[in-house]
Amino acid sequence: MTLTYKAVQEVLRKAGIVMSKKGGVHRINFFSGLEETAYYTTDLQDVLDKGLVMASGRPRSSGYLRSVEERRMAARAHLASVPPLMRLVVNREGRIAD
């Protein structure tokens, strides 16, 4: 099977890895990853292998990877621990919510 850039990019995207190409050099990194975590190579098979290893080693507790419901529950738990005078919530219309 011949690897194509698009096929590898789709597999890595589903795994949480971003892939780009400049000239003959491929760059992979985590979504919102810093330059320190980027990996560069010219071999497409190496991109796929290293990208899947990177994805399997990434902790799933990242705020970017949590579901909307998990973030909502975490926010509610945090608000429950805040003193009542600090619980001022403003809704999208700019009004103070109950």
PDB file of N, CA and C in Angstrom:
ATOM      1  N   MET A   1       0.837  -1.188   0.000  1.00  0.00           N
ATOM      2  CA  MET A   1       0.000   0.000   0.000  1.00  0.00           C
ATOM      3  C   MET A   1       0.883   1.253   0.000  1.00  0.00           C
ATOM      4  N   THR A   2       0.578   2.171  -0.867  1.00  0.00           N
ATOM      5  CA  THR A   2       1.315   3.420  -0.956  1.00  0.00           C
ATOM      6  C   THR A   2       0.654   4.452  -0.049  1.00  0.00           C
ATOM      7  N   LEU A   3       1.455   5.073   0.794  1.00  0.00           N
ATOM      8  CA  LEU A   3       0.931   6.101   1.683  1.00  0.00           C
ATOM      9  C   LEU A   3       0.814   7.414   0.928  1.00  0.00           C
ATOM     10  N   THR A   4      -0.271   8.111   1.163  1.00  0.00           N
ATOM     11  CA  THR A   4      -0.427   9.452   0.605  1.00  0.00           C
ATOM     12  C   THR A   4      -0.476  10.453   1.753  1.00  0.00           C
ATOM     13  N   TYR A   5      -0.114  11.673   1.443  1.00  0.00           N
ATOM     14  CA  TYR A   5      -0.121  12.728   2.452  1.00  0.00           C
ATOM     15  C   TYR A   5      -1.505  12.875   3.084  1.00  0.00           C
ATOM     16  N   LYS A   6      -2.534  12.927   2.254  1.00  0.00           N
ATOM     17  CA  LYS A   6      -3.904  13.113   2.750  1.00  0.00           C
ATOM     18  C   LYS A   6      -4.343  11.971   3.653  1.00  0.00           C
ATOM     19  N   ALA A   7      -4.005  10.729   3.285  1.00  0.00           N
ATOM     20  CA  ALA A   7      -4.408   9.576   4.093  1.00  0.00           C
ATOM     21  C   ALA A   7      -3.744   9.618   5.463  1.00  0.00           C
ATOM     22  N   VAL A   8      -2.454   9.918   5.489  1.00  0.00           N
ATOM     23  CA  VAL A   8      -1.731  10.000   6.766  1.00  0.00           C
ATOM     24  C   VAL A   8      -2.270  11.163   7.591  1.00  0.00           C
ATOM     25  N   GLN A   9      -2.545  12.282   6.944  1.00  0.00           N
ATOM     26  CA  GLN A   9      -3.070  13.454   7.643  1.00  0.00           C
ATOM     27  C   GLN A   9      -4.411  13.150   8.306  1.00  0.00           C
ATOM     28  N   GLU A  10      -5.284  12.433   7.627  1.00  0.00           N
ATOM     29  CA  GLU A  10      -6.590  12.076   8.194  1.00  0.00           C
ATOM     30  C   GLU A  10      -6.448  11.161   9.407  1.00  0.00           C
ATOM     31  N   VAL A  11      -5.577  10.169   9.306  1.00  0.00           N
ATOM     32  CA  VAL A  11      -5.365   9.242  10.423  1.00  0.00           C
ATOM     33  C   VAL A  11      -4.834   9.993  11.637  1.00  0.00           C
ATOM     34  N   LEU A  12      -3.847  10.846  11.418  1.00  0.00           N
ATOM     35  CA  LEU A  12      -3.252  11.580  12.536  1.00  0.00           C
ATOM     36  C   LEU A  12      -4.211  12.615  13.112  1.00  0.00           C
ATOM     37  N   ARG A  13      -5.010  13.242  12.266  1.00  0.00           N
ATOM     38  CA  ARG A  13      -5.978  14.228  12.759  1.00  0.00           C
ATOM     39  C   ARG A  13      -6.964  13.576  13.727  1.00  0.00           C
ATOM     40  N   LYS A  14      -7.430  12.376  13.386  1.00  0.00           N
ATOM     41  CA  LYS A  14      -8.350  11.652  14.268  1.00  0.00           C
ATOM     42  C   LYS A  14      -7.681  11.257  15.575  1.00  0.00           C
ATOM     43  N   ALA A  15      -6.359  11.114  15.547  1.00  0.00           N
ATOM     44  CA  ALA A  15      -5.611  10.749  16.750  1.00  0.00           C
ATOM     45  C   ALA A  15      -5.202  11.975  17.567  1.00  0.00           C
ATOM     46  N   GLY A  16      -5.497  13.188  17.072  1.00  0.00           N
ATOM     47  CA  GLY A  16      -5.168  14.400  17.819  1.00  0.00           C
ATOM     48  C   GLY A  16      -3.833  15.013  17.447  1.00  0.00           C
ATOM     49  N   ILE A  17      -3.320  14.662  16.276  1.00  0.00           N
ATOM     50  CA  ILE A  17      -2.026  15.168  15.823  1.00  0.00           C
ATOM     51  C   ILE A  17      -2.231  15.989  14.546  1.00  0.00           C
ATOM     52  N   VAL A  18      -1.568  17.140  14.471  1.00  0.00           N
ATOM     53  CA  VAL A  18      -1.648  18.007  13.309  1.00  0.00           C
ATOM     54  C   VAL A  18      -0.430  17.748  12.426  1.00  0.00           C
ATOM     55  N   MET A  19      -0.654  17.737  11.127  1.00  0.00           N
ATOM     56  CA  MET A  19       0.430  17.471  10.185  1.00  0.00           C
ATOM     57  C   MET A  19       0.466  18.573   9.136  1.00  0.00           C
ATOM     58  N   SER A  20       1.672  19.039   8.804  1.00  0.00           N
ATOM     59  CA  SER A  20       1.827  20.022   7.737  1.00  0.00           C
ATOM     60  C   SER A  20       3.077  19.682   6.936  1.00  0.00           C
ATOM     61  N   LYS A  21       3.183  20.291   5.774  1.00  0.00           N
ATOM     62  CA  LYS A  21       4.316  19.995   4.893  1.00  0.00           C
ATOM     63  C   LYS A  21       4.834  21.287   4.290  1.00  0.00           C
ATOM     64  N   LYS A  22       6.137  21.461   4.323  1.00  0.00           N
ATOM     65  CA  LYS A  22       6.772  22.612   3.690  1.00  0.00           C
ATOM     66  C   LYS A  22       7.952  22.081   2.895  1.00  0.00           C
ATOM     67  N   GLY A  23       7.866  22.206   1.597  1.00  0.00           N
ATOM     68  CA  GLY A  23       8.889  21.604   0.746  1.00  0.00           C
ATOM     69  C   GLY A  23       8.774  20.097   0.848  1.00  0.00           C
ATOM     70  N   GLY A  24       9.847  19.428   1.169  1.00  0.00           N
ATOM     71  CA  GLY A  24       9.818  17.980   1.342  1.00  0.00           C
ATOM     72  C   GLY A  24       9.812  17.557   2.792  1.00  0.00           C
ATOM     73  N   VAL A  25       9.645  18.515   3.708  1.00  0.00           N
ATOM     74  CA  VAL A  25       9.718  18.224   5.141  1.00  0.00           C
ATOM     75  C   VAL A  25       8.320  18.225   5.746  1.00  0.00           C
ATOM     76  N   HIS A  26       8.004  17.146   6.434  1.00  0.00           N
ATOM     77  CA  HIS A  26       6.724  17.019   7.128  1.00  0.00           C
ATOM     78  C   HIS A  26       6.920  17.410   8.588  1.00  0.00           C
ATOM     79  N   ARG A  27       5.932  18.102   9.144  1.00  0.00           N
ATOM     80  CA  ARG A  27       5.960  18.503  10.557  1.00  0.00           C
ATOM     81  C   ARG A  27       4.713  17.957  11.219  1.00  0.00           C
ATOM     82  N   ILE A  28       4.883  17.317  12.386  1.00  0.00           N
ATOM     83  CA  ILE A  28       3.736  16.850  13.165  1.00  0.00           C
ATOM     84  C   ILE A  28       3.844  17.412  14.571  1.00  0.00           C
ATOM     85  N   ASN A  29       2.686  17.618  15.171  1.00  0.00           N
ATOM     86  CA  ASN A  29       2.640  18.146  16.528  1.00  0.00           C
ATOM     87  C   ASN A  29       1.239  17.907  17.080  1.00  0.00           C
ATOM     88  N   PHE A  30       1.092  18.092  18.378  1.00  0.00           N
ATOM     89  CA  PHE A  30      -0.211  18.010  19.017  1.00  0.00           C
ATOM     90  C   PHE A  30      -1.024  19.234  18.607  1.00  0.00           C
ATOM     91  N   PHE A  31      -2.352  19.138  18.635  1.00  0.00           N
ATOM     92  CA  PHE A  31      -3.175  20.323  18.464  1.00  0.00           C
ATOM     93  C   PHE A  31      -2.779  21.292  19.567  1.00  0.00           C
ATOM     94  N   SER A  32      -2.541  22.520  19.242  1.00  0.00           N
ATOM     95  CA  SER A  32      -2.104  23.554  20.186  1.00  0.00           C
ATOM     96  C   SER A  32      -0.748  23.233  20.793  1.00  0.00           C
ATOM     97  N   GLY A  33       0.036  22.401  20.141  1.00  0.00           N
ATOM     98  CA  GLY A  33       1.354  22.034  20.660  1.00  0.00           C
ATOM     99  C   GLY A  33       2.374  23.135  20.438  1.00  0.00           C
ATOM    100  N   LEU A  34       3.332  23.204  21.331  1.00  0.00           N
ATOM    101  CA  LEU A  34       4.414  24.176  21.209  1.00  0.00           C
ATOM    102  C   LEU A  34       5.501  23.624  20.295  1.00  0.00           C
ATOM    103  N   GLU A  35       6.422  24.481  19.907  1.00  0.00           N
ATOM    104  CA  GLU A  35       7.500  24.068  19.008  1.00  0.00           C
ATOM    105  C   GLU A  35       8.373  22.976  19.631  1.00  0.00           C
ATOM    106  N   GLU A  36       8.468  22.949  20.950  1.00  0.00           N
ATOM    107  CA  GLU A  36       9.284  21.936  21.634  1.00  0.00           C
ATOM    108  C   GLU A  36       8.763  20.518  21.403  1.00  0.00           C
ATOM    109  N   THR A  37       7.481  20.379  21.100  1.00  0.00           N
ATOM    110  CA  THR A  37       6.911  19.043  20.904  1.00  0.00           C
ATOM    111  C   THR A  37       6.775  18.672  19.430  1.00  0.00           C
ATOM    112  N   ALA A  38       7.172  19.563  18.533  1.00  0.00           N
ATOM    113  CA  ALA A  38       7.067  19.287  17.095  1.00  0.00           C
ATOM    114  C   ALA A  38       8.123  18.273  16.668  1.00  0.00           C
ATOM    115  N   TYR A  39       7.802  17.520  15.614  1.00  0.00           N
ATOM    116  CA  TYR A  39       8.719  16.523  15.061  1.00  0.00           C
ATOM    117  C   TYR A  39       8.781  16.724  13.553  1.00  0.00           C
ATOM    118  N   TYR A  40       9.992  16.751  13.000  1.00  0.00           N
ATOM    119  CA  TYR A  40      10.203  16.980  11.573  1.00  0.00           C
ATOM    120  C   TYR A  40      10.857  15.761  10.937  1.00  0.00           C
ATOM    121  N   THR A  41      10.406  15.408   9.750  1.00  0.00           N
ATOM    122  CA  THR A  41      11.001  14.303   8.998  1.00  0.00           C
ATOM    123  C   THR A  41      10.618  14.434   7.528  1.00  0.00           C
ATOM    124  N   THR A  42      11.343  13.702   6.683  1.00  0.00           N
ATOM    125  CA  THR A  42      11.032  13.707   5.252  1.00  0.00           C
ATOM    126  C   THR A  42      10.318  12.434   4.824  1.00  0.00           C
ATOM    127  N   ASP A  43      10.240  11.442   5.702  1.00  0.00           N
ATOM    128  CA  ASP A  43       9.656  10.137   5.372  1.00  0.00           C
ATOM    129  C   ASP A  43       8.207  10.059   5.852  1.00  0.00           C
ATOM    130  N   LEU A  44       7.293   9.787   4.941  1.00  0.00           N
ATOM    131  CA  LEU A  44       5.867   9.730   5.269  1.00  0.00           C
ATOM    132  C   LEU A  44       5.535   8.586   6.225  1.00  0.00           C
ATOM    133  N   GLN A  45       6.192   7.448   6.074  1.00  0.00           N
ATOM    134  CA  GLN A  45       5.965   6.322   6.992  1.00  0.00           C
ATOM    135  C   GLN A  45       6.430   6.688   8.399  1.00  0.00           C
ATOM    136  N   ASP A  46       7.540   7.411   8.486  1.00  0.00           N
ATOM    137  CA  ASP A  46       8.045   7.869   9.784  1.00  0.00           C
ATOM    138  C   ASP A  46       7.058   8.839  10.428  1.00  0.00           C
ATOM    139  N   VAL A  47       6.451   9.692   9.613  1.00  0.00           N
ATOM    140  CA  VAL A  47       5.433  10.632  10.110  1.00  0.00           C
ATOM    141  C   VAL A  47       4.280   9.866  10.748  1.00  0.00           C
ATOM    142  N   LEU A  48       3.786   8.859  10.057  1.00  0.00           N
ATOM    143  CA  LEU A  48       2.665   8.074  10.564  1.00  0.00           C
ATOM    144  C   LEU A  48       3.038   7.348  11.852  1.00  0.00           C
ATOM    145  N   ASP A  49       4.182   6.673  11.846  1.00  0.00           N
ATOM    146  CA  ASP A  49       4.608   5.914  13.029  1.00  0.00           C
ATOM    147  C   ASP A  49       4.825   6.823  14.231  1.00  0.00           C
ATOM    148  N   LYS A  50       5.586   7.897  14.052  1.00  0.00           N
ATOM    149  CA  LYS A  50       5.883   8.811  15.159  1.00  0.00           C
ATOM    150  C   LYS A  50       4.614   9.530  15.632  1.00  0.00           C
ATOM    151  N   GLY A  51       3.742   9.897  14.699  1.00  0.00           N
ATOM    152  CA  GLY A  51       2.497  10.571  15.072  1.00  0.00           C
ATOM    153  C   GLY A  51       1.599   9.701  15.930  1.00  0.00           C
ATOM    154  N   LEU A  52       1.495   8.429  15.591  1.00  0.00           N
ATOM    155  CA  LEU A  52       0.673   7.514  16.393  1.00  0.00           C
ATOM    156  C   LEU A  52       1.290   7.273  17.767  1.00  0.00           C
ATOM    157  N   VAL A  53       2.619   7.231  17.829  1.00  0.00           N
ATOM    158  CA  VAL A  53       3.289   7.095  19.130  1.00  0.00           C
ATOM    159  C   VAL A  53       3.042   8.346  19.972  1.00  0.00           C
ATOM    160  N   MET A  54       3.148   9.517  19.349  1.00  0.00           N
ATOM    161  CA  MET A  54       2.885  10.771  20.065  1.00  0.00           C
ATOM    162  C   MET A  54       1.459  10.784  20.605  1.00  0.00           C
ATOM    163  N   ALA A  55       0.509  10.373  19.780  1.00  0.00           N
ATOM    164  CA  ALA A  55      -0.904  10.388  20.176  1.00  0.00           C
ATOM    165  C   ALA A  55      -1.168   9.431  21.323  1.00  0.00           C
ATOM    166  N   SER A  56      -0.517   8.285  21.321  1.00  0.00           N
ATOM    167  CA  SER A  56      -0.760   7.312  22.396  1.00  0.00           C
ATOM    168  C   SER A  56      -0.124   7.747  23.705  1.00  0.00           C
ATOM    169  N   GLY A  57       0.898   8.604  23.648  1.00  0.00           N
ATOM    170  CA  GLY A  57       1.567   9.059  24.859  1.00  0.00           C
ATOM    171  C   GLY A  57       0.989  10.325  25.434  1.00  0.00           C
ATOM    172  N   ARG A  58       0.083  10.955  24.726  1.00  0.00           N
ATOM    173  CA  ARG A  58      -0.507  12.220  25.196  1.00  0.00           C
ATOM    174  C   ARG A  58      -1.560  11.945  26.254  1.00  0.00           C
ATOM    175  N   PRO A  59      -1.478  12.608  27.394  1.00  0.00           N
ATOM    176  CA  PRO A  59      -2.506  12.417  28.422  1.00  0.00           C
ATOM    177  C   PRO A  59      -3.861  12.907  27.940  1.00  0.00           C
ATOM    178  N   ARG A  60      -4.891  12.160  28.205  1.00  0.00           N
ATOM    179  CA  ARG A  60      -6.235  12.495  27.750  1.00  0.00           C
ATOM    180  C   ARG A  60      -6.950  13.473  28.678  1.00  0.00           C
ATOM    181  N   SER A  61      -6.292  13.945  29.714  1.00  0.00           N
ATOM    182  CA  SER A  61      -6.935  14.864  30.644  1.00  0.00           C
ATOM    183  C   SER A  61      -6.787  16.315  30.203  1.00  0.00           C
ATOM    184  N   SER A  62      -6.232  16.536  29.038  1.00  0.00           N
ATOM    185  CA  SER A  62      -6.050  17.883  28.534  1.00  0.00           C
ATOM    186  C   SER A  62      -7.400  18.579  28.379  1.00  0.00           C
ATOM    187  N   GLY A  63      -7.447  19.862  28.688  1.00  0.00           N
ATOM    188  CA  GLY A  63      -8.674  20.625  28.547  1.00  0.00           C
ATOM    189  C   GLY A  63      -9.178  20.668  27.120  1.00  0.00           C
ATOM    190  N   TYR A  64      -8.289  20.549  26.154  1.00  0.00           N
ATOM    191  CA  TYR A  64      -8.697  20.565  24.757  1.00  0.00           C
ATOM    192  C   TYR A  64      -9.399  19.282  24.360  1.00  0.00           C
ATOM    193  N   LEU A  65      -9.109  18.198  25.057  1.00  0.00           N
ATOM    194  CA  LEU A  65      -9.657  16.909  24.674  1.00  0.00           C
ATOM    195  C   LEU A  65     -10.884  16.518  25.485  1.00  0.00           C
ATOM    196  N   ARG A  66     -11.148  17.242  26.555  1.00  0.00           N
ATOM    197  CA  ARG A  66     -12.304  16.884  27.363  1.00  0.00           C
ATOM    198  C   ARG A  66     -13.588  17.254  26.638  1.00  0.00           C
ATOM    199  N   SER A  67     -14.621  16.495  26.922  1.00  0.00           N
ATOM    200  CA  SER A  67     -15.903  16.770  26.284  1.00  0.00           C
ATOM    201  C   SER A  67     -16.533  18.021  26.893  1.00  0.00           C
ATOM    202  N   VAL A  68     -17.515  18.535  26.217  1.00  0.00           N
ATOM    203  CA  VAL A  68     -18.232  19.712  26.702  1.00  0.00           C
ATOM    204  C   VAL A  68     -18.871  19.410  28.046  1.00  0.00           C
ATOM    205  N   GLU A  69     -19.447  18.228  28.185  1.00  0.00           N
ATOM    206  CA  GLU A  69     -20.106  17.867  29.444  1.00  0.00           C
ATOM    207  C   GLU A  69     -19.102  17.785  30.591  1.00  0.00           C
ATOM    208  N   GLU A  70     -17.917  17.256  30.339  1.00  0.00           N
ATOM    209  CA  GLU A  70     -16.895  17.188  31.388  1.00  0.00           C
ATOM    210  C   GLU A  70     -16.468  18.585  31.821  1.00  0.00           C
ATOM    211  N   ARG A  71     -16.308  19.504  30.871  1.00  0.00           N
ATOM    212  CA  ARG A  71     -15.936  20.879  31.219  1.00  0.00           C
ATOM    213  C   ARG A  71     -17.050  21.553  32.001  1.00  0.00           C
ATOM    214  N   ARG A  72     -18.301  21.298  31.605  1.00  0.00           N
ATOM    215  CA  ARG A  72     -19.445  21.882  32.296  1.00  0.00           C
ATOM    216  C   ARG A  72     -19.503  21.391  33.743  1.00  0.00           C
ATOM    217  N   MET A  73     -19.305  20.088  33.935  1.00  0.00           N
ATOM    218  CA  MET A  73     -19.343  19.523  35.292  1.00  0.00           C
ATOM    219  C   MET A  73     -18.196  20.069  36.140  1.00  0.00           C
ATOM    220  N   ALA A  74     -17.021  20.230  35.551  1.00  0.00           N
ATOM    221  CA  ALA A  74     -15.878  20.772  36.286  1.00  0.00           C
ATOM    222  C   ALA A  74     -16.139  22.221  36.688  1.00  0.00           C
ATOM    223  N   ALA A  75     -16.769  22.994  35.801  1.00  0.00           N
ATOM    224  CA  ALA A  75     -17.087  24.385  36.120  1.00  0.00           C
ATOM    225  C   ALA A  75     -18.109  24.465  37.246  1.00  0.00           C
ATOM    226  N   ARG A  76     -19.115  23.600  37.216  1.00  0.00           N
ATOM    227  CA  ARG A  76     -20.118  23.588  38.293  1.00  0.00           C
ATOM    228  C   ARG A  76     -19.488  23.220  39.628  1.00  0.00           C
ATOM    229  N   ALA A  77     -18.595  22.241  39.619  1.00  0.00           N
ATOM    230  CA  ALA A  77     -17.926  21.834  40.856  1.00  0.00           C
ATOM    231  C   ALA A  77     -17.079  22.982  41.393  1.00  0.00           C
ATOM    232  N   HIS A  78     -16.416  23.695  40.500  1.00  0.00           N
ATOM    233  CA  HIS A  78     -15.606  24.832  40.930  1.00  0.00           C
ATOM    234  C   HIS A  78     -16.492  25.935  41.508  1.00  0.00           C
ATOM    235  N   LEU A  79     -17.609  26.241  40.844  1.00  0.00           N
ATOM    236  CA  LEU A  79     -18.506  27.287  41.335  1.00  0.00           C
ATOM    237  C   LEU A  79     -19.104  26.937  42.686  1.00  0.00           C
ATOM    238  N   ALA A  80     -19.335  25.661  42.926  1.00  0.00           N
ATOM    239  CA  ALA A  80     -19.892  25.247  44.215  1.00  0.00           C
ATOM    240  C   ALA A  80     -18.914  25.516  45.351  1.00  0.00           C
ATOM    241  N   SER A  81     -17.621  25.550  45.037  1.00  0.00           N
ATOM    242  CA  SER A  81     -16.620  25.771  46.084  1.00  0.00           C
ATOM    243  C   SER A  81     -16.298  27.249  46.291  1.00  0.00           C
ATOM    244  N   VAL A  82     -16.824  28.128  45.433  1.00  0.00           N
ATOM    245  CA  VAL A  82     -16.558  29.558  45.531  1.00  0.00           C
ATOM    246  C   VAL A  82     -17.561  30.182  46.498  1.00  0.00           C
ATOM    247  N   PRO A  83     -17.116  31.099  47.362  1.00  0.00           N
ATOM    248  CA  PRO A  83     -18.044  31.766  48.285  1.00  0.00           C
ATOM    249  C   PRO A  83     -19.177  32.463  47.519  1.00  0.00           C
ATOM    250  N   PRO A  84     -20.385  32.541  48.113  1.00  0.00           N
ATOM    251  CA  PRO A  84     -21.558  33.096  47.425  1.00  0.00           C
ATOM    252  C   PRO A  84     -21.350  34.489  46.837  1.00  0.00           C
ATOM    253  N   LEU A  85     -20.618  35.358  47.512  1.00  0.00           N
ATOM    254  CA  LEU A  85     -20.423  36.707  46.989  1.00  0.00           C
ATOM    255  C   LEU A  85     -19.555  36.726  45.732  1.00  0.00           C
ATOM    256  N   MET A  86     -18.820  35.674  45.503  1.00  0.00           N
ATOM    257  CA  MET A  86     -17.950  35.605  44.334  1.00  0.00           C
ATOM    258  C   MET A  86     -18.649  34.970  43.134  1.00  0.00           C
ATOM    259  N   ARG A  87     -19.851  34.439  43.312  1.00  0.00           N
ATOM    260  CA  ARG A  87     -20.549  33.713  42.250  1.00  0.00           C
ATOM    261  C   ARG A  87     -21.372  34.639  41.365  1.00  0.00           C
ATOM    262  N   LEU A  88     -20.758  35.558  40.741  1.00  0.00           N
ATOM    263  CA  LEU A  88     -21.434  36.459  39.822  1.00  0.00           C
ATOM    264  C   LEU A  88     -21.228  35.915  38.417  1.00  0.00           C
ATOM    265  N   VAL A  89     -22.291  35.468  37.809  1.00  0.00           N
ATOM    266  CA  VAL A  89     -22.206  34.875  36.481  1.00  0.00           C
ATOM    267  C   VAL A  89     -22.947  35.773  35.504  1.00  0.00           C
ATOM    268  N   VAL A  90     -22.310  36.098  34.425  1.00  0.00           N
ATOM    269  CA  VAL A  90     -22.916  36.946  33.408  1.00  0.00           C
ATOM    270  C   VAL A  90     -23.240  36.073  32.207  1.00  0.00           C
ATOM    271  N   ASN A  91     -24.493  36.171  31.730  1.00  0.00           N
ATOM    272  CA  ASN A  91     -24.878  35.361  30.574  1.00  0.00           C
ATOM    273  C   ASN A  91     -24.429  36.040  29.282  1.00  0.00           C
ATOM    274  N   ARG A  92     -24.737  35.419  28.151  1.00  0.00           N
ATOM    275  CA  ARG A  92     -24.248  35.916  26.861  1.00  0.00           C
ATOM    276  C   ARG A  92     -24.798  37.286  26.489  1.00  0.00           C
ATOM    277  N   GLU A  93     -25.957  37.637  27.020  1.00  0.00           N
ATOM    278  CA  GLU A  93     -26.538  38.941  26.714  1.00  0.00           C
ATOM    279  C   GLU A  93     -25.950  40.042  27.592  1.00  0.00           C
ATOM    280  N   GLY A  94     -25.049  39.692  28.492  1.00  0.00           N
ATOM    281  CA  GLY A  94     -24.430  40.678  29.360  1.00  0.00           C
ATOM    282  C   GLY A  94     -25.204  40.941  30.629  1.00  0.00           C
ATOM    283  N   ARG A  95     -26.232  40.135  30.880  1.00  0.00           N
ATOM    284  CA  ARG A  95     -27.019  40.293  32.102  1.00  0.00           C
ATOM    285  C   ARG A  95     -26.489  39.348  33.175  1.00  0.00           C
ATOM    286  N   ILE A  96     -26.745  39.681  34.407  1.00  0.00           N
ATOM    287  CA  ILE A  96     -26.330  38.816  35.509  1.00  0.00           C
ATOM    288  C   ILE A  96     -27.300  37.653  35.606  1.00  0.00           C
ATOM    289  N   ALA A  97     -26.748  36.443  35.607  1.00  0.00           N
ATOM    290  CA  ALA A  97     -27.572  35.232  35.672  1.00  0.00           C
ATOM    291  C   ALA A  97     -27.876  34.883  37.118  1.00  0.00           C
ATOM    292  N   ASP A  98     -28.951  34.124  37.315  1.00  0.00           N
ATOM    293  CA  ASP A  98     -29.320  33.689  38.669  1.00  0.00           C
ATOM    294  C   ASP A  98     -28.393  32.606  39.156  1.00  0.00           C
TER     295      ASP A  98
END
